[in-house]
Protein backbone atom coordinates (compact mmCIF):
# COMPACT_ATOMS: atom_id res chain seq x y z
CA MET A 1 1.19 -0.23 13.65
CA THR A 2 2.88 -3.57 13.13
CA SER A 3 6.01 -4.49 15.04
CA LEU A 4 9.11 -2.86 13.79
CA PRO A 5 12.46 -4.54 12.94
CA GLU A 6 15.11 -4.36 15.65
CA GLY A 7 16.78 -1.03 16.04
CA PHE A 8 14.01 1.02 14.21
CA ILE A 9 12.44 3.90 16.07
CA PRO A 10 8.69 4.78 15.46
CA HIS A 11 8.07 8.05 13.64
CA ASP A 12 4.82 10.00 14.28
CA GLY A 13 4.69 12.01 11.14
CA GLY A 14 6.23 15.28 12.49
CA PRO A 15 9.23 16.84 11.08
CA CYS A 16 12.53 15.09 10.50
CA PRO A 17 13.72 13.76 13.94
CA VAL A 18 17.44 13.83 13.13
CA ALA A 19 20.06 16.28 11.83
CA PRO A 20 19.89 16.47 7.99
CA ASP A 21 23.33 14.85 7.50
CA THR A 22 22.43 11.83 9.53
CA LEU A 23 22.73 8.47 7.54
CA VAL A 24 19.32 6.63 8.07
CA THR A 25 17.31 3.61 7.00
CA VAL A 26 13.65 4.40 6.80
CA MET A 27 10.59 2.21 6.69
CA SER A 28 7.55 3.41 4.74
CA ARG A 29 3.85 2.75 5.56
CA ASN A 30 3.78 0.27 2.83
CA GLY A 31 6.60 -1.78 4.48
CA CYS A 32 9.36 -0.75 2.16
CA VAL A 33 12.71 -0.32 3.69
CA SER A 34 15.29 2.06 2.12
CA SER A 35 18.87 2.65 3.33
CA GLY A 36 21.95 4.48 2.48
CA ARG A 37 20.53 8.01 2.34
CA TYR A 38 20.96 11.08 4.51
CA ALA A 39 17.88 12.29 6.32
CA ARG A 40 17.68 15.42 4.17
CA PHE A 41 17.04 13.20 1.19
CA TRP A 42 13.49 12.23 2.51
CA ASP A 43 12.78 16.00 3.37
CA TYR A 44 12.57 17.48 -0.10
CA PRO A 45 8.99 18.26 -1.39
CA PRO A 46 7.06 16.36 -0.76
CA SER A 47 8.52 15.53 2.68
CA TRP A 48 8.05 11.89 3.47
CA TRP A 49 8.75 12.66 7.18
CA ARG A 50 5.70 14.87 7.48
CA TRP A 51 2.50 12.85 6.94
CA GLN A 52 -0.10 14.35 4.83
CA SER A 53 -2.72 11.77 5.62
CA LEU A 54 -2.84 8.28 7.17
CA ASP A 55 -3.14 6.50 3.86
CA HIS A 56 -0.12 7.67 1.89
CA ASP A 57 2.20 4.63 1.28
CA ASN A 58 5.47 6.64 1.19
CA ASP A 59 5.09 8.12 4.63
CA ILE A 60 7.98 7.25 6.83
CA ILE A 61 6.69 5.32 9.94
CA ALA A 62 10.05 4.37 11.35
CA TYR A 63 13.76 4.98 10.96
CA LYS A 64 17.10 3.78 12.17
CA VAL A 65 20.28 5.87 12.51
CA GLU A 66 23.18 4.12 10.61
CA ASN A 67 26.86 4.28 11.40
CA PRO A 68 28.84 5.49 8.31
CA SER A 69 31.46 3.04 7.29
């Protein structure tokens, strides 16, 4: 895995590591960073938290918990 931006926590492909109503920024395997969504958004089928294989570009490889404004 490449180095992660400051504040990001690596994710190992298991279940969602935070409460569903936690606001998070996520980084996908393809390097795309998406913010402003609750963790539950990424857990609908297919779940991007749970890796199906090591070559799926949308799998979440890191996340950062955000403070709501």
